[in-house]
Amino acid sequence: MFYLGLLGSELVYEDVFSVWETIWAAKHIASSHFVLFIALALVESYRDIILSNSMDFTDIIKFFNGLYQILCLLLLSSCHIFSVMALKF
């Protein structure tokens, strides 16, 4: 539900489509848990803001719902998945 809210709130259709297409493709290519890498990218990218504002779970959800930089986070998520793939071999 978190991802539906994150990806569906006030974003351009093309951005949402790109994210969902990548999640779907990653399930078949790299990992069935690619959404966890997106969550990791979110937390990693905004760690300092979250910690400096002492955000609780509700604050973090509200904060992420206001983000518009999905494509940058998608790129970082892709980097994480490739790092994990490199560990397997």
PDB file of N, CA and C in Angstrom:
ATOM      1  N   MET A   1       0.822  -1.194   0.000  1.00  0.00           N
ATOM      2  CA  MET A   1       0.000   0.000   0.000  1.00  0.00           C
ATOM      3  C   MET A   1       0.870   1.263   0.000  1.00  0.00           C
ATOM      4  N   PHE A   2       1.986   1.205   0.727  1.00  0.00           N
ATOM      5  CA  PHE A   2       2.893   2.348   0.777  1.00  0.00           C
ATOM      6  C   PHE A   2       3.358   2.735  -0.621  1.00  0.00           C
ATOM      7  N   TYR A   3       3.722   1.728  -1.419  1.00  0.00           N
ATOM      8  CA  TYR A   3       4.243   2.006  -2.754  1.00  0.00           C
ATOM      9  C   TYR A   3       3.165   2.553  -3.663  1.00  0.00           C
ATOM     10  N   LEU A   4       1.946   2.083  -3.502  1.00  0.00           N
ATOM     11  CA  LEU A   4       0.843   2.629  -4.295  1.00  0.00           C
ATOM     12  C   LEU A   4       0.649   4.105  -3.990  1.00  0.00           C
ATOM     13  N   GLY A   5       0.702   4.442  -2.722  1.00  0.00           N
ATOM     14  CA  GLY A   5       0.570   5.850  -2.342  1.00  0.00           C
ATOM     15  C   GLY A   5       1.741   6.676  -2.826  1.00  0.00           C
ATOM     16  N   LEU A   6       2.939   6.132  -2.701  1.00  0.00           N
ATOM     17  CA  LEU A   6       4.135   6.852  -3.113  1.00  0.00           C
ATOM     18  C   LEU A   6       4.154   7.092  -4.615  1.00  0.00           C
ATOM     19  N   LEU A   7       3.850   6.064  -5.378  1.00  0.00           N
ATOM     20  CA  LEU A   7       3.970   6.165  -6.825  1.00  0.00           C
ATOM     21  C   LEU A   7       2.753   6.787  -7.478  1.00  0.00           C
ATOM     22  N   GLY A   8       1.661   6.914  -6.756  1.00  0.00           N
ATOM     23  CA  GLY A   8       0.459   7.439  -7.377  1.00  0.00           C
ATOM     24  C   GLY A   8       0.103   8.852  -6.974  1.00  0.00           C
ATOM     25  N   SER A   9       0.871   9.455  -6.102  1.00  0.00           N
ATOM     26  CA  SER A   9       0.483  10.769  -5.600  1.00  0.00           C
ATOM     27  C   SER A   9       1.149  11.899  -6.386  1.00  0.00           C
ATOM     28  N   GLU A  10       0.362  12.593  -7.173  1.00  0.00           N
ATOM     29  CA  GLU A  10       0.789  13.811  -7.855  1.00  0.00           C
ATOM     30  C   GLU A  10       2.052  13.643  -8.697  1.00  0.00           C
ATOM     31  N   LEU A  11       2.153  12.561  -9.411  1.00  0.00           N
ATOM     32  CA  LEU A  11       3.288  12.343 -10.289  1.00  0.00           C
ATOM     33  C   LEU A  11       2.818  12.306 -11.734  1.00  0.00           C
ATOM     34  N   VAL A  12       3.730  12.580 -12.622  1.00  0.00           N
ATOM     35  CA  VAL A  12       3.442  12.515 -14.038  1.00  0.00           C
ATOM     36  C   VAL A  12       3.264  11.051 -14.434  1.00  0.00           C
ATOM     37  N   TYR A  13       2.307  10.777 -15.295  1.00  0.00           N
ATOM     38  CA  TYR A  13       2.009   9.401 -15.684  1.00  0.00           C
ATOM     39  C   TYR A  13       3.247   8.675 -16.208  1.00  0.00           C
ATOM     40  N   GLU A  14       4.062   9.337 -17.026  1.00  0.00           N
ATOM     41  CA  GLU A  14       5.233   8.692 -17.607  1.00  0.00           C
ATOM     42  C   GLU A  14       6.212   8.234 -16.529  1.00  0.00           C
ATOM     43  N   ASP A  15       6.357   9.030 -15.469  1.00  0.00           N
ATOM     44  CA  ASP A  15       7.245   8.654 -14.369  1.00  0.00           C
ATOM     45  C   ASP A  15       6.709   7.422 -13.642  1.00  0.00           C
ATOM     46  N   VAL A  16       5.424   7.429 -13.348  1.00  0.00           N
ATOM     47  CA  VAL A  16       4.805   6.296 -12.660  1.00  0.00           C
ATOM     48  C   VAL A  16       4.924   5.044 -13.518  1.00  0.00           C
ATOM     49  N   PHE A  17       4.648   5.190 -14.809  1.00  0.00           N
ATOM     50  CA  PHE A  17       4.742   4.058 -15.722  1.00  0.00           C
ATOM     51  C   PHE A  17       6.158   3.498 -15.749  1.00  0.00           C
ATOM     52  N   SER A  18       7.164   4.360 -15.804  1.00  0.00           N
ATOM     53  CA  SER A  18       8.562   3.912 -15.825  1.00  0.00           C
ATOM     54  C   SER A  18       8.919   3.138 -14.560  1.00  0.00           C
ATOM     55  N   VAL A  19       8.477   3.643 -13.421  1.00  0.00           N
ATOM     56  CA  VAL A  19       8.775   2.972 -12.153  1.00  0.00           C
ATOM     57  C   VAL A  19       8.107   1.607 -12.100  1.00  0.00           C
ATOM     58  N   TRP A  20       6.814   1.543 -12.410  1.00  0.00           N
ATOM     59  CA  TRP A  20       6.105   0.261 -12.350  1.00  0.00           C
ATOM     60  C   TRP A  20       6.650  -0.723 -13.370  1.00  0.00           C
ATOM     61  N   GLU A  21       7.018  -0.241 -14.556  1.00  0.00           N
ATOM     62  CA  GLU A  21       7.598  -1.111 -15.569  1.00  0.00           C
ATOM     63  C   GLU A  21       8.934  -1.690 -15.084  1.00  0.00           C
ATOM     64  N   THR A  22       9.736  -0.867 -14.429  1.00  0.00           N
ATOM     65  CA  THR A  22      11.017  -1.332 -13.908  1.00  0.00           C
ATOM     66  C   THR A  22      10.819  -2.350 -12.792  1.00  0.00           C
ATOM     67  N   ILE A  23       9.867  -2.083 -11.904  1.00  0.00           N
ATOM     68  CA  ILE A  23       9.578  -3.038 -10.827  1.00  0.00           C
ATOM     69  C   ILE A  23       9.141  -4.375 -11.420  1.00  0.00           C
ATOM     70  N   TRP A  24       8.268  -4.339 -12.410  1.00  0.00           N
ATOM     71  CA  TRP A  24       7.785  -5.563 -13.036  1.00  0.00           C
ATOM     72  C   TRP A  24       8.931  -6.313 -13.720  1.00  0.00           C
ATOM     73  N   ALA A  25       9.744  -5.586 -14.481  1.00  0.00           N
ATOM     74  CA  ALA A  25      10.852  -6.216 -15.204  1.00  0.00           C
ATOM     75  C   ALA A  25      11.884  -6.780 -14.232  1.00  0.00           C
ATOM     76  N   ALA A  26      12.180  -6.057 -13.166  1.00  0.00           N
ATOM     77  CA  ALA A  26      13.172  -6.514 -12.193  1.00  0.00           C
ATOM     78  C   ALA A  26      12.740  -7.818 -11.538  1.00  0.00           C
ATOM     79  N   LYS A  27      11.441  -7.977 -11.370  1.00  0.00           N
ATOM     80  CA  LYS A  27      10.927  -9.214 -10.779  1.00  0.00           C
ATOM     81  C   LYS A  27      11.340 -10.422 -11.607  1.00  0.00           C
ATOM     82  N   HIS A  28      11.376 -10.258 -12.909  1.00  0.00           N
ATOM     83  CA  HIS A  28      11.701 -11.367 -13.796  1.00  0.00           C
ATOM     84  C   HIS A  28      13.193 -11.453 -14.120  1.00  0.00           C
ATOM     85  N   ILE A  29      13.931 -10.370 -13.939  1.00  0.00           N
ATOM     86  CA  ILE A  29      15.338 -10.337 -14.325  1.00  0.00           C
ATOM     87  C   ILE A  29      16.273 -10.475 -13.125  1.00  0.00           C
ATOM     88  N   ALA A  30      16.022  -9.699 -12.069  1.00  0.00           N
ATOM     89  CA  ALA A  30      16.994  -9.617 -10.976  1.00  0.00           C
ATOM     90  C   ALA A  30      16.462 -10.170  -9.656  1.00  0.00           C
ATOM     91  N   SER A  31      15.350  -9.626  -9.184  1.00  0.00           N
ATOM     92  CA  SER A  31      14.856  -9.994  -7.857  1.00  0.00           C
ATOM     93  C   SER A  31      13.359  -9.780  -7.786  1.00  0.00           C
ATOM     94  N   SER A  32      12.674 -10.663  -7.114  1.00  0.00           N
ATOM     95  CA  SER A  32      11.234 -10.488  -6.934  1.00  0.00           C
ATOM     96  C   SER A  32      10.934  -9.484  -5.822  1.00  0.00           C
ATOM     97  N   HIS A  33      11.972  -8.992  -5.167  1.00  0.00           N
ATOM     98  CA  HIS A  33      11.815  -8.036  -4.071  1.00  0.00           C
ATOM     99  C   HIS A  33      12.419  -6.677  -4.417  1.00  0.00           C
ATOM    100  N   PHE A  34      12.303  -6.267  -5.671  1.00  0.00           N
ATOM    101  CA  PHE A  34      12.901  -5.015  -6.120  1.00  0.00           C
ATOM    102  C   PHE A  34      12.331  -3.815  -5.373  1.00  0.00           C
ATOM    103  N   VAL A  35      11.080  -3.888  -4.944  1.00  0.00           N
ATOM    104  CA  VAL A  35      10.489  -2.764  -4.205  1.00  0.00           C
ATOM    105  C   VAL A  35      11.250  -2.486  -2.919  1.00  0.00           C
ATOM    106  N   LEU A  36      11.881  -3.508  -2.354  1.00  0.00           N
ATOM    107  CA  LEU A  36      12.691  -3.289  -1.159  1.00  0.00           C
ATOM    108  C   LEU A  36      13.922  -2.451  -1.477  1.00  0.00           C
ATOM    109  N   PHE A  37      14.451  -2.597  -2.686  1.00  0.00           N
ATOM    110  CA  PHE A  37      15.588  -1.783  -3.095  1.00  0.00           C
ATOM    111  C   PHE A  37      15.158  -0.331  -3.315  1.00  0.00           C
ATOM    112  N   ILE A  38      13.921  -0.134  -3.751  1.00  0.00           N
ATOM    113  CA  ILE A  38      13.392   1.224  -3.870  1.00  0.00           C
ATOM    114  C   ILE A  38      13.257   1.837  -2.481  1.00  0.00           C
ATOM    115  N   ALA A  39      12.752   1.054  -1.539  1.00  0.00           N
ATOM    116  CA  ALA A  39      12.639   1.548  -0.161  1.00  0.00           C
ATOM    117  C   ALA A  39      14.017   1.865   0.411  1.00  0.00           C
ATOM    118  N   LEU A  40      14.998   1.015   0.149  1.00  0.00           N
ATOM    119  CA  LEU A  40      16.361   1.265   0.606  1.00  0.00           C
ATOM    120  C   LEU A  40      16.913   2.551   0.006  1.00  0.00           C
ATOM    121  N   ALA A  41      16.654   2.765  -1.278  1.00  0.00           N
ATOM    122  CA  ALA A  41      17.125   3.989  -1.934  1.00  0.00           C
ATOM    123  C   ALA A  41      16.480   5.222  -1.309  1.00  0.00           C
ATOM    124  N   LEU A  42      15.202   5.132  -0.968  1.00  0.00           N
ATOM    125  CA  LEU A  42      14.519   6.250  -0.315  1.00  0.00           C
ATOM    126  C   LEU A  42      15.153   6.576   1.029  1.00  0.00           C
ATOM    127  N   VAL A  43      15.317   5.556   1.844  1.00  0.00           N
ATOM    128  CA  VAL A  43      15.883   5.777   3.182  1.00  0.00           C
ATOM    129  C   VAL A  43      17.322   6.268   3.081  1.00  0.00           C
ATOM    130  N   GLU A  44      18.091   5.680   2.173  1.00  0.00           N
ATOM    131  CA  GLU A  44      19.486   6.087   2.013  1.00  0.00           C
ATOM    132  C   GLU A  44      19.599   7.529   1.521  1.00  0.00           C
ATOM    133  N   SER A  45      18.755   7.913   0.598  1.00  0.00           N
ATOM    134  CA  SER A  45      18.816   9.257   0.023  1.00  0.00           C
ATOM    135  C   SER A  45      18.402  10.338   1.019  1.00  0.00           C
ATOM    136  N   TYR A  46      17.469  10.019   1.873  1.00  0.00           N
ATOM    137  CA  TYR A  46      16.920  11.026   2.781  1.00  0.00           C
ATOM    138  C   TYR A  46      17.219  10.730   4.244  1.00  0.00           C
ATOM    139  N   ARG A  47      18.229   9.928   4.489  1.00  0.00           N
ATOM    140  CA  ARG A  47      18.603   9.532   5.844  1.00  0.00           C
ATOM    141  C   ARG A  47      18.845  10.732   6.754  1.00  0.00           C
ATOM    142  N   ASP A  48      19.648  11.671   6.303  1.00  0.00           N
ATOM    143  CA  ASP A  48      19.990  12.825   7.138  1.00  0.00           C
ATOM    144  C   ASP A  48      18.769  13.658   7.487  1.00  0.00           C
ATOM    145  N   ILE A  49      17.877  13.846   6.529  1.00  0.00           N
ATOM    146  CA  ILE A  49      16.647  14.609   6.782  1.00  0.00           C
ATOM    147  C   ILE A  49      15.774  13.881   7.795  1.00  0.00           C
ATOM    148  N   ILE A  50      15.626  12.575   7.625  1.00  0.00           N
ATOM    149  CA  ILE A  50      14.802  11.777   8.540  1.00  0.00           C
ATOM    150  C   ILE A  50      15.362  11.842   9.952  1.00  0.00           C
ATOM    151  N   LEU A  51      16.672  11.665  10.084  1.00  0.00           N
ATOM    152  CA  LEU A  51      17.290  11.668  11.412  1.00  0.00           C
ATOM    153  C   LEU A  51      17.294  13.054  12.049  1.00  0.00           C
ATOM    154  N   SER A  52      17.598  14.075  11.266  1.00  0.00           N
ATOM    155  CA  SER A  52      17.673  15.416  11.840  1.00  0.00           C
ATOM    156  C   SER A  52      16.312  15.934  12.291  1.00  0.00           C
ATOM    157  N   ASN A  53      15.253  15.448  11.685  1.00  0.00           N
ATOM    158  CA  ASN A  53      13.905  15.863  12.071  1.00  0.00           C
ATOM    159  C   ASN A  53      13.228  14.876  13.008  1.00  0.00           C
ATOM    160  N   SER A  54      13.959  13.856  13.431  1.00  0.00           N
ATOM    161  CA  SER A  54      13.431  12.823  14.337  1.00  0.00           C
ATOM    162  C   SER A  54      12.053  12.329  13.887  1.00  0.00           C
ATOM    163  N   MET A  55      11.968  11.984  12.615  1.00  0.00           N
ATOM    164  CA  MET A  55      10.683  11.557  12.051  1.00  0.00           C
ATOM    165  C   MET A  55      10.303  10.167  12.552  1.00  0.00           C
ATOM    166  N   ASP A  56       9.016  10.007  12.865  1.00  0.00           N
ATOM    167  CA  ASP A  56       8.498   8.681  13.171  1.00  0.00           C
ATOM    168  C   ASP A  56       7.915   8.109  11.878  1.00  0.00           C
ATOM    169  N   PHE A  57       7.334   6.925  11.951  1.00  0.00           N
ATOM    170  CA  PHE A  57       6.850   6.247  10.752  1.00  0.00           C
ATOM    171  C   PHE A  57       5.849   7.101   9.975  1.00  0.00           C
ATOM    172  N   THR A  58       4.910   7.716  10.666  1.00  0.00           N
ATOM    173  CA  THR A  58       3.893   8.541  10.012  1.00  0.00           C
ATOM    174  C   THR A  58       4.519   9.742   9.315  1.00  0.00           C
ATOM    175  N   ASP A  59       5.471  10.385   9.973  1.00  0.00           N
ATOM    176  CA  ASP A  59       6.156  11.526   9.358  1.00  0.00           C
ATOM    177  C   ASP A  59       6.926  11.110   8.112  1.00  0.00           C
ATOM    178  N   ILE A  60       7.553   9.942   8.185  1.00  0.00           N
ATOM    179  CA  ILE A  60       8.316   9.456   7.027  1.00  0.00           C
ATOM    180  C   ILE A  60       7.387   9.191   5.847  1.00  0.00           C
ATOM    181  N   ILE A  61       6.243   8.574   6.113  1.00  0.00           N
ATOM    182  CA  ILE A  61       5.265   8.313   5.041  1.00  0.00           C
ATOM    183  C   ILE A  61       4.805   9.632   4.424  1.00  0.00           C
ATOM    184  N   LYS A  62       4.476  10.608   5.246  1.00  0.00           N
ATOM    185  CA  LYS A  62       4.056  11.913   4.728  1.00  0.00           C
ATOM    186  C   LYS A  62       5.168  12.564   3.909  1.00  0.00           C
ATOM    187  N   PHE A  63       6.386  12.464   4.398  1.00  0.00           N
ATOM    188  CA  PHE A  63       7.523  13.042   3.701  1.00  0.00           C
ATOM    189  C   PHE A  63       7.716  12.393   2.335  1.00  0.00           C
ATOM    190  N   PHE A  64       7.691  11.063   2.294  1.00  0.00           N
ATOM    191  CA  PHE A  64       7.893  10.360   1.028  1.00  0.00           C
ATOM    192  C   PHE A  64       6.750  10.596   0.052  1.00  0.00           C
ATOM    193  N   ASN A  65       5.558  10.782   0.558  1.00  0.00           N
ATOM    194  CA  ASN A  65       4.422  11.064  -0.320  1.00  0.00           C
ATOM    195  C   ASN A  65       4.579  12.402  -1.039  1.00  0.00           C
ATOM    196  N   GLY A  66       5.403  13.273  -0.512  1.00  0.00           N
ATOM    197  CA  GLY A  66       5.613  14.572  -1.136  1.00  0.00           C
ATOM    198  C   GLY A  66       6.779  14.616  -2.118  1.00  0.00           C
ATOM    199  N   LEU A  67       7.431  13.507  -2.315  1.00  0.00           N
ATOM    200  CA  LEU A  67       8.613  13.501  -3.179  1.00  0.00           C
ATOM    201  C   LEU A  67       8.257  13.497  -4.663  1.00  0.00           C
ATOM    202  N   TYR A  68       9.089  14.143  -5.421  1.00  0.00           N
ATOM    203  CA  TYR A  68       8.885  14.184  -6.868  1.00  0.00           C
ATOM    204  C   TYR A  68      10.097  13.676  -7.630  1.00  0.00           C
ATOM    205  N   GLN A  69      11.063  13.111  -6.941  1.00  0.00           N
ATOM    206  CA  GLN A  69      12.308  12.710  -7.581  1.00  0.00           C
ATOM    207  C   GLN A  69      12.376  11.200  -7.772  1.00  0.00           C
ATOM    208  N   ILE A  70      11.319  10.623  -8.251  1.00  0.00           N
ATOM    209  CA  ILE A  70      11.219   9.176  -8.368  1.00  0.00           C
ATOM    210  C   ILE A  70      12.265   8.596  -9.316  1.00  0.00           C
ATOM    211  N   LEU A  71      12.525   9.254 -10.408  1.00  0.00           N
ATOM    212  CA  LEU A  71      13.454   8.682 -11.380  1.00  0.00           C
ATOM    213  C   LEU A  71      14.878   8.607 -10.840  1.00  0.00           C
ATOM    214  N   CYS A  72      15.287   9.579 -10.042  1.00  0.00           N
ATOM    215  CA  CYS A  72      16.619   9.519  -9.419  1.00  0.00           C
ATOM    216  C   CYS A  72      16.687   8.358  -8.436  1.00  0.00           C
ATOM    217  N   LEU A  73      15.632   8.152  -7.690  1.00  0.00           N
ATOM    218  CA  LEU A  73      15.594   7.052  -6.739  1.00  0.00           C
ATOM    219  C   LEU A  73      15.563   5.713  -7.460  1.00  0.00           C
ATOM    220  N   LEU A  74      14.897   5.681  -8.598  1.00  0.00           N
ATOM    221  CA  LEU A  74      14.867   4.460  -9.384  1.00  0.00           C
ATOM    222  C   LEU A  74      16.270   4.086  -9.855  1.00  0.00           C
ATOM    223  N   LEU A  75      17.028   5.064 -10.256  1.00  0.00           N
ATOM    224  CA  LEU A  75      18.403   4.813 -10.674  1.00  0.00           C
ATOM    225  C   LEU A  75      19.228   4.271  -9.515  1.00  0.00           C
ATOM    226  N   LEU A  76      19.096   4.865  -8.347  1.00  0.00           N
ATOM    227  CA  LEU A  76      19.824   4.391  -7.176  1.00  0.00           C
ATOM    228  C   LEU A  76      19.386   2.969  -6.808  1.00  0.00           C
ATOM    229  N   SER A  77      18.099   2.686  -6.930  1.00  0.00           N
ATOM    230  CA  SER A  77      17.598   1.337  -6.663  1.00  0.00           C
ATOM    231  C   SER A  77      18.234   0.338  -7.613  1.00  0.00           C
ATOM    232  N   SER A  78      18.351   0.733  -8.868  1.00  0.00           N
ATOM    233  CA  SER A  78      18.981  -0.140  -9.859  1.00  0.00           C
ATOM    234  C   SER A  78      20.430  -0.419  -9.488  1.00  0.00           C
ATOM    235  N   CYS A  79      21.138   0.589  -9.005  1.00  0.00           N
ATOM    236  CA  CYS A  79      22.520   0.391  -8.578  1.00  0.00           C
ATOM    237  C   CYS A  79      22.602  -0.615  -7.438  1.00  0.00           C
ATOM    238  N   HIS A  80      21.656  -0.539  -6.500  1.00  0.00           N
ATOM    239  CA  HIS A  80      21.643  -1.478  -5.383  1.00  0.00           C
ATOM    240  C   HIS A  80      21.412  -2.906  -5.869  1.00  0.00           C
ATOM    241  N   ILE A  81      20.482  -3.073  -6.790  1.00  0.00           N
ATOM    242  CA  ILE A  81      20.179  -4.425  -7.254  1.00  0.00           C
ATOM    243  C   ILE A  81      21.365  -5.006  -8.013  1.00  0.00           C
ATOM    244  N   PHE A  82      22.069  -4.172  -8.776  1.00  0.00           N
ATOM    245  CA  PHE A  82      23.241  -4.668  -9.486  1.00  0.00           C
ATOM    246  C   PHE A  82      24.361  -5.017  -8.511  1.00  0.00           C
ATOM    247  N   SER A  83      24.457  -4.290  -7.416  1.00  0.00           N
ATOM    248  CA  SER A  83      25.451  -4.627  -6.389  1.00  0.00           C
ATOM    249  C   SER A  83      25.152  -5.990  -5.776  1.00  0.00           C
ATOM    250  N   VAL A  84      23.881  -6.241  -5.513  1.00  0.00           N
ATOM    251  CA  VAL A  84      23.485  -7.540  -4.947  1.00  0.00           C
ATOM    252  C   VAL A  84      23.728  -8.650  -5.968  1.00  0.00           C
ATOM    253  N   MET A  85      23.422  -8.379  -7.228  1.00  0.00           N
ATOM    254  CA  MET A  85      23.643  -9.382  -8.261  1.00  0.00           C
ATOM    255  C   MET A  85      25.134  -9.720  -8.372  1.00  0.00           C
ATOM    256  N   ALA A  86      25.982  -8.720  -8.207  1.00  0.00           N
ATOM    257  CA  ALA A  86      27.427  -8.939  -8.293  1.00  0.00           C
ATOM    258  C   ALA A  86      27.906  -9.829  -7.127  1.00  0.00           C
ATOM    259  N   LEU A  87      27.247  -9.736  -5.987  1.00  0.00           N
ATOM    260  CA  LEU A  87      27.622 -10.563  -4.840  1.00  0.00           C
ATOM    261  C   LEU A  87      27.296 -12.034  -5.064  1.00  0.00           C
ATOM    262  N   LYS A  88      26.287 -12.318  -5.871  1.00  0.00           N
ATOM    263  CA  LYS A  88      25.864 -13.690  -6.112  1.00  0.00           C
ATOM    264  C   LYS A  88      26.886 -14.457  -6.944  1.00  0.00           C
ATOM    265  N   PHE A  89      27.687 -13.746  -7.716  1.00  0.00           N
ATOM    266  CA  PHE A  89      28.594 -14.428  -8.641  1.00  0.00           C
ATOM    267  C   PHE A  89      30.008 -14.312  -8.224  1.00  0.00           C
TER     268      PHE A  89
END
